[in-house]
Amino acid sequence: MPQFAANLTTLFTELQMIDRFAAAAEAGFTGVEILFPYDIAAQDLYRASVKTGLPIVLINAPPPNWAGGPRGFAAVPGLEDRFRRDFERSLRVAQALRARHIHVMAGRAEGAQALETLVANLSWAADRAPHASLTIEPVNDTDMPGYFLTDYGMAIDIIDRIAAPNLGLQLDTYHAQVITGDMQACWRKVAPLVRHIQIAGHPGRNEPDVGTLDYPSLFAELDDWGYRGWVSAEYAPVRTTQSGLGWLHVAG
């Protein structure tokens, strides 16, 4: 059975962030991810991680602009200097948290120049932080209009082109279903490149046992494949997080 992590940005939101670690541990998760851990002191988050025994397995880069600006710009021509500055900050935070993966967000862009910008920025980041595991994730353009990386074929080509041992693929099953119409077929196509998986129900992005996706079959397939990465619950609970954790108890 996979290792399950709780996304503390989307789960247990009735609690303060620091208190969500204990709630996740009590629920049966064995790791956590935090999408944007930049507004809380890293030492406080790491202390909570150590206290509960839950490693922080992923954060997003770059730090968000909550005033309405872009939350990703690795593919945006002309913002290379900003990408590097903010990646450096994300790298410092990831190191302080002992985070396993850094998800590098492409941002909104289009065209051939955006592709070359993304490749150049990812190549720089992989060289800058050879000790860090970096991921890229296709996102469907219905939920995030204009996002550059919306295609798994493009993601595979980018990873193959850069050929850096510390760059891999992040598979979000909800996005995979929206983009391809067959999440498990998508997994089989990209499995050798996958470093991290996120799960949610489809449609609606609620609990993974709500909707059309067959997660027991996927979990069994991950075991058969020998997947050793994390499977992170990144969804919006229908009611409270605790009341919707039947899927985790069955999986565990």
C-alpha atoms as a PDB file:
ATOM      1  CA  MET A   1       0.000   0.000   0.000  1.00  0.00           C
ATOM      2  CA  PRO A   2       1.326   3.493  -0.809  1.00  0.00           C
ATOM      3  CA  GLN A   3       2.604   5.977   1.757  1.00  0.00           C
ATOM      4  CA  PHE A   4      -0.143   8.567   2.261  1.00  0.00           C
ATOM      5  CA  ALA A   5       0.568  12.232   2.985  1.00  0.00           C
ATOM      6  CA  ALA A   6      -1.950  14.912   3.932  1.00  0.00           C
ATOM      7  CA  ASN A   7      -1.942  18.192   2.076  1.00  0.00           C
ATOM      8  CA  LEU A   8      -2.131  20.583   5.017  1.00  0.00           C
ATOM      9  CA  THR A   9      -3.082  23.482   2.761  1.00  0.00           C
ATOM     10  CA  THR A  10      -6.394  21.823   1.867  1.00  0.00           C
ATOM     11  CA  LEU A  11      -7.098  19.449   4.787  1.00  0.00           C
ATOM     12  CA  PHE A  12      -7.832  20.143   8.464  1.00  0.00           C
ATOM     13  CA  THR A  13      -8.366  23.793   7.610  1.00  0.00           C
ATOM     14  CA  GLU A  14     -10.493  24.366  10.711  1.00  0.00           C
ATOM     15  CA  LEU A  15      -7.193  24.242  12.623  1.00  0.00           C
ATOM     16  CA  GLN A  16      -4.157  26.514  12.615  1.00  0.00           C
ATOM     17  CA  MET A  17      -1.430  25.224  10.299  1.00  0.00           C
ATOM     18  CA  ILE A  18       0.851  24.057  13.124  1.00  0.00           C
ATOM     19  CA  ASP A  19      -2.016  22.091  14.700  1.00  0.00           C
ATOM     20  CA  ARG A  20      -2.798  20.324  11.429  1.00  0.00           C
ATOM     21  CA  PHE A  21       0.320  18.160  11.802  1.00  0.00           C
ATOM     22  CA  ALA A  22      -1.034  16.439  14.909  1.00  0.00           C
ATOM     23  CA  ALA A  23      -4.470  16.046  13.333  1.00  0.00           C
ATOM     24  CA  ALA A  24      -2.923  14.401  10.266  1.00  0.00           C
ATOM     25  CA  ALA A  25      -0.869  12.038  12.423  1.00  0.00           C
ATOM     26  CA  GLU A  26      -3.904  11.071  14.489  1.00  0.00           C
ATOM     27  CA  ALA A  27      -5.885  10.418  11.297  1.00  0.00           C
ATOM     28  CA  GLY A  28      -3.277   7.938  10.093  1.00  0.00           C
ATOM     29  CA  PHE A  29      -1.241   9.901   7.563  1.00  0.00           C
ATOM     30  CA  THR A  30       2.504   9.303   7.632  1.00  0.00           C
ATOM     31  CA  GLY A  31       3.646  12.470   5.850  1.00  0.00           C
ATOM     32  CA  VAL A  32       2.437  15.936   4.892  1.00  0.00           C
ATOM     33  CA  GLU A  33       2.824  18.454   2.090  1.00  0.00           C
ATOM     34  CA  ILE A  34       2.278  22.207   2.254  1.00  0.00           C
ATOM     35  CA  LEU A  35       1.737  24.057  -0.984  1.00  0.00           C
ATOM     36  CA  PHE A  36       3.003  27.458   0.123  1.00  0.00           C
ATOM     37  CA  PRO A  37       4.742  27.330   3.526  1.00  0.00           C
ATOM     38  CA  TYR A  38       6.056  30.862   3.325  1.00  0.00           C
ATOM     39  CA  ASP A  39       3.948  32.786   5.824  1.00  0.00           C
ATOM     40  CA  ILE A  40       4.931  30.713   8.891  1.00  0.00           C
ATOM     41  CA  ALA A  41       8.425  30.485  10.353  1.00  0.00           C
ATOM     42  CA  ALA A  42      10.192  27.480   8.855  1.00  0.00           C
ATOM     43  CA  GLN A  43      11.577  26.460  12.237  1.00  0.00           C
ATOM     44  CA  ASP A  44       8.057  26.244  13.659  1.00  0.00           C
ATOM     45  CA  LEU A  45       6.874  24.047  10.794  1.00  0.00           C
ATOM     46  CA  TYR A  46       9.924  21.818  11.048  1.00  0.00           C
ATOM     47  CA  ARG A  47       9.470  21.509  14.812  1.00  0.00           C
ATOM     48  CA  ALA A  48       5.885  20.343  14.263  1.00  0.00           C
ATOM     49  CA  SER A  49       7.113  17.887  11.641  1.00  0.00           C
ATOM     50  CA  VAL A  50       9.648  16.389  14.017  1.00  0.00           C
ATOM     51  CA  LYS A  51       7.244  16.322  16.976  1.00  0.00           C
ATOM     52  CA  THR A  52       4.599  14.388  15.051  1.00  0.00           C
ATOM     53  CA  GLY A  53       6.998  12.247  13.046  1.00  0.00           C
ATOM     54  CA  LEU A  54       5.481  13.447   9.778  1.00  0.00           C
ATOM     55  CA  PRO A  55       8.055  14.440   7.147  1.00  0.00           C
ATOM     56  CA  ILE A  56       7.235  17.360   4.857  1.00  0.00           C
ATOM     57  CA  VAL A  57       7.330  15.713   1.470  1.00  0.00           C
ATOM     58  CA  LEU A  58       6.585  18.592  -0.933  1.00  0.00           C
ATOM     59  CA  ILE A  59       6.289  22.349  -1.230  1.00  0.00           C
ATOM     60  CA  ASN A  60       5.556  24.564  -4.234  1.00  0.00           C
ATOM     61  CA  ALA A  61       7.833  27.139  -5.817  1.00  0.00           C
ATOM     62  CA  PRO A  62       7.733  30.063  -6.165  1.00  0.00           C
ATOM     63  CA  PRO A  63       6.398  31.768  -3.061  1.00  0.00           C
ATOM     64  CA  PRO A  64       2.882  33.029  -3.894  1.00  0.00           C
ATOM     65  CA  ASN A  65       1.865  36.574  -4.545  1.00  0.00           C
ATOM     66  CA  TRP A  66      -1.356  36.822  -2.565  1.00  0.00           C
ATOM     67  CA  ALA A  67      -2.058  40.327  -3.943  1.00  0.00           C
ATOM     68  CA  GLY A  68      -3.252  38.819  -7.211  1.00  0.00           C
ATOM     69  CA  GLY A  69      -0.001  38.364  -9.091  1.00  0.00           C
ATOM     70  CA  PRO A  70       1.179  35.116 -10.704  1.00  0.00           C
ATOM     71  CA  ARG A  71       1.938  32.129  -8.521  1.00  0.00           C
ATOM     72  CA  GLY A  72       4.253  30.588 -11.061  1.00  0.00           C
ATOM     73  CA  PHE A  73       6.405  31.989 -13.828  1.00  0.00           C
ATOM     74  CA  ALA A  74       9.056  29.429 -14.770  1.00  0.00           C
ATOM     75  CA  ALA A  75       7.712  29.572 -18.336  1.00  0.00           C
ATOM     76  CA  VAL A  76       7.164  33.329 -18.534  1.00  0.00           C
ATOM     77  CA  PRO A  77       9.663  35.076 -20.826  1.00  0.00           C
ATOM     78  CA  GLY A  78      11.267  38.134 -19.273  1.00  0.00           C
ATOM     79  CA  LEU A  79      10.887  36.972 -15.674  1.00  0.00           C
ATOM     80  CA  GLU A  80      14.000  34.825 -15.523  1.00  0.00           C
ATOM     81  CA  ASP A  81      15.671  36.963 -12.867  1.00  0.00           C
ATOM     82  CA  ARG A  82      12.565  36.869 -10.695  1.00  0.00           C
ATOM     83  CA  PHE A  83      12.331  33.110 -11.145  1.00  0.00           C
ATOM     84  CA  ARG A  84      15.898  32.696  -9.922  1.00  0.00           C
ATOM     85  CA  ARG A  85      15.443  34.983  -6.916  1.00  0.00           C
ATOM     86  CA  ASP A  86      12.264  33.270  -5.814  1.00  0.00           C
ATOM     87  CA  PHE A  87      13.627  29.794  -6.471  1.00  0.00           C
ATOM     88  CA  GLU A  88      16.507  30.629  -4.150  1.00  0.00           C
ATOM     89  CA  ARG A  89      13.991  31.498  -1.441  1.00  0.00           C
ATOM     90  CA  SER A  90      12.013  28.313  -2.053  1.00  0.00           C
ATOM     91  CA  LEU A  91      15.228  26.323  -1.892  1.00  0.00           C
ATOM     92  CA  ARG A  92      16.151  27.854   1.472  1.00  0.00           C
ATOM     93  CA  VAL A  93      12.699  27.054   2.870  1.00  0.00           C
ATOM     94  CA  ALA A  94      12.777  23.508   1.481  1.00  0.00           C
ATOM     95  CA  GLN A  95      16.160  22.928   3.077  1.00  0.00           C
ATOM     96  CA  ALA A  96      14.968  24.273   6.434  1.00  0.00           C
ATOM     97  CA  LEU A  97      11.918  22.003   6.298  1.00  0.00           C
ATOM     98  CA  ARG A  98      13.877  18.998   4.987  1.00  0.00           C
ATOM     99  CA  ALA A  99      11.226  18.854   2.250  1.00  0.00           C
ATOM    100  CA  ARG A 100      11.620  15.961  -0.146  1.00  0.00           C
ATOM    101  CA  HIS A 101      10.349  17.637  -3.340  1.00  0.00           C
ATOM    102  CA  ILE A 102       9.988  21.146  -4.740  1.00  0.00           C
ATOM    103  CA  HIS A 103       7.234  21.521  -7.331  1.00  0.00           C
ATOM    104  CA  VAL A 104       8.294  24.208  -9.828  1.00  0.00           C
ATOM    105  CA  MET A 105       5.216  25.959 -11.219  1.00  0.00           C
ATOM    106  CA  ALA A 106       5.275  26.973 -14.881  1.00  0.00           C
ATOM    107  CA  GLY A 107       2.759  29.818 -14.683  1.00  0.00           C
ATOM    108  CA  ARG A 108       0.631  31.370 -17.408  1.00  0.00           C
ATOM    109  CA  ALA A 109       2.306  31.684 -20.800  1.00  0.00           C
ATOM    110  CA  GLU A 110       2.070  30.412 -24.350  1.00  0.00           C
ATOM    111  CA  GLY A 111       4.157  29.708 -27.411  1.00  0.00           C
ATOM    112  CA  ALA A 112       7.606  28.485 -28.366  1.00  0.00           C
ATOM    113  CA  GLN A 113       9.442  31.169 -26.396  1.00  0.00           C
ATOM    114  CA  ALA A 114       7.635  30.112 -23.232  1.00  0.00           C
ATOM    115  CA  LEU A 115       8.763  26.531 -23.783  1.00  0.00           C
ATOM    116  CA  GLU A 116      12.373  27.597 -24.190  1.00  0.00           C
ATOM    117  CA  THR A 117      12.087  29.788 -21.090  1.00  0.00           C
ATOM    118  CA  LEU A 118      10.732  26.866 -19.060  1.00  0.00           C
ATOM    119  CA  VAL A 119      13.477  24.537 -20.251  1.00  0.00           C
ATOM    120  CA  ALA A 120      16.171  27.111 -19.492  1.00  0.00           C
ATOM    121  CA  ASN A 121      14.801  27.875 -16.024  1.00  0.00           C
ATOM    122  CA  LEU A 122      14.394  24.223 -15.096  1.00  0.00           C
ATOM    123  CA  SER A 123      17.889  23.437 -16.373  1.00  0.00           C
ATOM    124  CA  TRP A 124      19.295  26.247 -14.249  1.00  0.00           C
ATOM    125  CA  ALA A 125      17.334  25.123 -11.175  1.00  0.00           C
ATOM    126  CA  ALA A 126      18.412  21.501 -11.568  1.00  0.00           C
ATOM    127  CA  ASP A 127      22.054  22.591 -11.827  1.00  0.00           C
ATOM    128  CA  ARG A 128      21.685  25.066  -8.970  1.00  0.00           C
ATOM    129  CA  ALA A 129      20.256  22.473  -6.580  1.00  0.00           C
ATOM    130  CA  PRO A 130      21.529  19.011  -7.575  1.00  0.00           C
ATOM    131  CA  HIS A 131      20.718  17.781  -4.070  1.00  0.00           C
ATOM    132  CA  ALA A 132      17.023  18.759  -4.375  1.00  0.00           C
ATOM    133  CA  SER A 133      14.289  16.757  -6.078  1.00  0.00           C
ATOM    134  CA  LEU A 134      12.357  19.006  -8.461  1.00  0.00           C
ATOM    135  CA  THR A 135       9.012  18.175 -10.057  1.00  0.00           C
ATOM    136  CA  ILE A 136       6.828  19.608 -12.792  1.00  0.00           C
ATOM    137  CA  GLU A 137       3.080  18.999 -13.003  1.00  0.00           C
ATOM    138  CA  PRO A 138       0.645  19.366 -15.893  1.00  0.00           C
ATOM    139  CA  VAL A 139      -2.443  21.300 -14.779  1.00  0.00           C
ATOM    140  CA  ASN A 140      -5.726  21.357 -16.669  1.00  0.00           C
ATOM    141  CA  ASP A 141      -6.560  24.676 -18.292  1.00  0.00           C
ATOM    142  CA  THR A 142     -10.191  24.608 -17.194  1.00  0.00           C
ATOM    143  CA  ASP A 143      -9.275  24.976 -13.532  1.00  0.00           C
ATOM    144  CA  MET A 144      -6.320  27.237 -14.322  1.00  0.00           C
ATOM    145  CA  PRO A 145      -6.888  29.026 -17.651  1.00  0.00           C
ATOM    146  CA  GLY A 146      -3.716  29.995 -19.461  1.00  0.00           C
ATOM    147  CA  TYR A 147      -1.408  27.709 -17.490  1.00  0.00           C
ATOM    148  CA  PHE A 148       1.446  26.748 -19.782  1.00  0.00           C
ATOM    149  CA  LEU A 149       2.091  23.127 -18.863  1.00  0.00           C
ATOM    150  CA  THR A 150      -1.172  21.315 -19.600  1.00  0.00           C
ATOM    151  CA  ASP A 151       0.079  18.309 -21.571  1.00  0.00           C
ATOM    152  CA  TYR A 152       1.813  15.138 -20.382  1.00  0.00           C
ATOM    153  CA  GLY A 153       3.570  14.658 -23.693  1.00  0.00           C
ATOM    154  CA  MET A 154       5.155  18.086 -23.321  1.00  0.00           C
ATOM    155  CA  ALA A 155       6.150  17.309 -19.729  1.00  0.00           C
ATOM    156  CA  ILE A 156       7.832  14.064 -20.819  1.00  0.00           C
ATOM    157  CA  ASP A 157       9.681  15.874 -23.611  1.00  0.00           C
ATOM    158  CA  ILE A 158      10.896  18.576 -21.204  1.00  0.00           C
ATOM    159  CA  ILE A 159      12.181  16.060 -18.664  1.00  0.00           C
ATOM    160  CA  ASP A 160      13.873  14.011 -21.388  1.00  0.00           C
ATOM    161  CA  ARG A 161      15.398  17.122 -22.936  1.00  0.00           C
ATOM    162  CA  ILE A 162      16.868  18.403 -19.677  1.00  0.00           C
ATOM    163  CA  ALA A 163      17.940  14.907 -18.599  1.00  0.00           C
ATOM    164  CA  ALA A 164      18.715  15.965 -15.039  1.00  0.00           C
ATOM    165  CA  PRO A 165      18.608  13.173 -12.438  1.00  0.00           C
ATOM    166  CA  ASN A 166      16.878  15.473  -9.947  1.00  0.00           C
ATOM    167  CA  LEU A 167      13.974  16.487 -12.229  1.00  0.00           C
ATOM    168  CA  GLY A 168      10.860  14.316 -12.414  1.00  0.00           C
ATOM    169  CA  LEU A 169       7.123  14.332 -12.897  1.00  0.00           C
ATOM    170  CA  GLN A 170       4.373  15.091 -10.407  1.00  0.00           C
ATOM    171  CA  LEU A 171       1.123  13.288 -11.257  1.00  0.00           C
ATOM    172  CA  ASP A 172      -2.074  14.838  -9.973  1.00  0.00           C
ATOM    173  CA  THR A 173      -4.773  12.261 -10.669  1.00  0.00           C
ATOM    174  CA  TYR A 174      -7.564  14.832 -10.842  1.00  0.00           C
ATOM    175  CA  HIS A 175      -5.702  16.885 -13.450  1.00  0.00           C
ATOM    176  CA  ALA A 176      -4.724  13.706 -15.298  1.00  0.00           C
ATOM    177  CA  GLN A 177      -8.383  12.703 -15.569  1.00  0.00           C
ATOM    178  CA  VAL A 178      -9.469  16.134 -16.794  1.00  0.00           C
ATOM    179  CA  ILE A 179      -6.613  16.372 -19.296  1.00  0.00           C
ATOM    180  CA  THR A 180      -6.616  12.823 -20.692  1.00  0.00           C
ATOM    181  CA  GLY A 181      -9.981  11.321 -19.762  1.00  0.00           C
ATOM    182  CA  ASP A 182      -8.248   8.182 -18.434  1.00  0.00           C
ATOM    183  CA  MET A 183      -6.181   8.725 -15.321  1.00  0.00           C
ATOM    184  CA  GLN A 184      -4.885   5.170 -15.007  1.00  0.00           C
ATOM    185  CA  ALA A 185      -3.836   4.985 -18.646  1.00  0.00           C
ATOM    186  CA  CYS A 186      -2.002   8.265 -18.093  1.00  0.00           C
ATOM    187  CA  TRP A 187      -0.236   6.803 -15.052  1.00  0.00           C
ATOM    188  CA  ARG A 188       0.907   3.786 -17.077  1.00  0.00           C
ATOM    189  CA  LYS A 189       2.309   6.080 -19.761  1.00  0.00           C
ATOM    190  CA  VAL A 190       4.311   8.286 -17.420  1.00  0.00           C
ATOM    191  CA  ALA A 191       5.063   5.936 -14.506  1.00  0.00           C
ATOM    192  CA  PRO A 192       8.865   5.758 -14.949  1.00  0.00           C
ATOM    193  CA  LEU A 193       9.113   9.542 -14.524  1.00  0.00           C
ATOM    194  CA  VAL A 194       6.732   9.979 -11.566  1.00  0.00           C
ATOM    195  CA  ARG A 195       8.302  11.196  -8.312  1.00  0.00           C
ATOM    196  CA  HIS A 196       5.153  12.269  -6.456  1.00  0.00           C
ATOM    197  CA  ILE A 197       1.399  11.646  -6.765  1.00  0.00           C
ATOM    198  CA  GLN A 198      -1.546  13.743  -5.598  1.00  0.00           C
ATOM    199  CA  ILE A 199      -5.079  12.368  -5.419  1.00  0.00           C
ATOM    200  CA  ALA A 200      -8.620  13.745  -5.324  1.00  0.00           C
ATOM    201  CA  GLY A 201     -12.075  12.758  -6.456  1.00  0.00           C
ATOM    202  CA  HIS A 202     -13.320  13.566  -9.934  1.00  0.00           C
ATOM    203  CA  PRO A 203     -15.369  15.540 -10.664  1.00  0.00           C
ATOM    204  CA  GLY A 204     -15.364  18.102  -7.880  1.00  0.00           C
ATOM    205  CA  ARG A 205     -11.916  17.546  -6.379  1.00  0.00           C
ATOM    206  CA  ASN A 206     -13.388  16.180  -3.155  1.00  0.00           C
ATOM    207  CA  GLU A 207     -12.514  12.971  -1.279  1.00  0.00           C
ATOM    208  CA  PRO A 208     -10.925  10.302  -3.476  1.00  0.00           C
ATOM    209  CA  ASP A 209     -13.806   7.900  -2.815  1.00  0.00           C
ATOM    210  CA  VAL A 210     -16.285  10.448  -4.219  1.00  0.00           C
ATOM    211  CA  GLY A 211     -16.693  10.438  -7.988  1.00  0.00           C
ATOM    212  CA  THR A 212     -15.624   8.317 -10.906  1.00  0.00           C
ATOM    213  CA  LEU A 213     -12.020   7.311 -10.246  1.00  0.00           C
ATOM    214  CA  ASP A 214     -11.144   3.778  -9.100  1.00  0.00           C
ATOM    215  CA  TYR A 215      -8.531   4.406  -6.430  1.00  0.00           C
ATOM    216  CA  PRO A 216      -8.371   0.868  -4.980  1.00  0.00           C
ATOM    217  CA  SER A 217      -7.359  -0.303  -8.458  1.00  0.00           C
ATOM    218  CA  LEU A 218      -4.783   2.501  -8.759  1.00  0.00           C
ATOM    219  CA  PHE A 219      -3.278   1.774  -5.337  1.00  0.00           C
ATOM    220  CA  ALA A 220      -2.937  -1.910  -6.224  1.00  0.00           C
ATOM    221  CA  GLU A 221      -1.304  -0.947  -9.502  1.00  0.00           C
ATOM    222  CA  LEU A 222       1.160   1.332  -7.715  1.00  0.00           C
ATOM    223  CA  ASP A 223       2.142  -1.609  -5.519  1.00  0.00           C
ATOM    224  CA  ASP A 224       2.541  -3.877  -8.534  1.00  0.00           C
ATOM    225  CA  TRP A 225       4.696  -1.268 -10.246  1.00  0.00           C
ATOM    226  CA  GLY A 226       6.868  -0.887  -7.154  1.00  0.00           C
ATOM    227  CA  TYR A 227       6.140   2.804  -6.687  1.00  0.00           C
ATOM    228  CA  ARG A 228       7.952   4.018  -3.576  1.00  0.00           C
ATOM    229  CA  GLY A 229       6.999   7.679  -3.605  1.00  0.00           C
ATOM    230  CA  TRP A 230       4.304   9.466  -1.647  1.00  0.00           C
ATOM    231  CA  VAL A 231       0.606   9.653  -2.477  1.00  0.00           C
ATOM    232  CA  SER A 232      -0.705  12.948  -1.161  1.00  0.00           C
ATOM    233  CA  ALA A 233      -4.349  13.735  -0.448  1.00  0.00           C
ATOM    234  CA  GLU A 234      -4.948  17.140  -2.022  1.00  0.00           C
ATOM    235  CA  TYR A 235      -8.667  17.735  -2.082  1.00  0.00           C
ATOM    236  CA  ALA A 236     -11.479  19.886  -0.697  1.00  0.00           C
ATOM    237  CA  PRO A 237     -13.446  17.893   1.904  1.00  0.00           C
ATOM    238  CA  VAL A 238     -17.193  17.784   1.349  1.00  0.00           C
ATOM    239  CA  ARG A 239     -17.719  18.447   5.056  1.00  0.00           C
ATOM    240  CA  THR A 240     -14.972  18.114   7.647  1.00  0.00           C
ATOM    241  CA  THR A 241     -11.691  16.402   6.851  1.00  0.00           C
ATOM    242  CA  GLN A 242     -12.202  13.819   9.593  1.00  0.00           C
ATOM    243  CA  SER A 243     -15.680  12.824   8.438  1.00  0.00           C
ATOM    244  CA  GLY A 244     -14.393  12.068   4.932  1.00  0.00           C
ATOM    245  CA  LEU A 245     -11.409   9.847   5.771  1.00  0.00           C
ATOM    246  CA  GLY A 246     -13.107   6.521   5.197  1.00  0.00           C
ATOM    247  CA  TRP A 247     -11.037   6.058   2.057  1.00  0.00           C
ATOM    248  CA  LEU A 248      -7.790   6.290   4.079  1.00  0.00           C
ATOM    249  CA  HIS A 249      -8.930   3.778   6.665  1.00  0.00           C
ATOM    250  CA  VAL A 250      -9.888   1.312   3.928  1.00  0.00           C
ATOM    251  CA  ALA A 251      -6.628   1.887   2.035  1.00  0.00           C
ATOM    252  CA  GLY A 252      -4.555   1.542   5.187  1.00  0.00           C
END
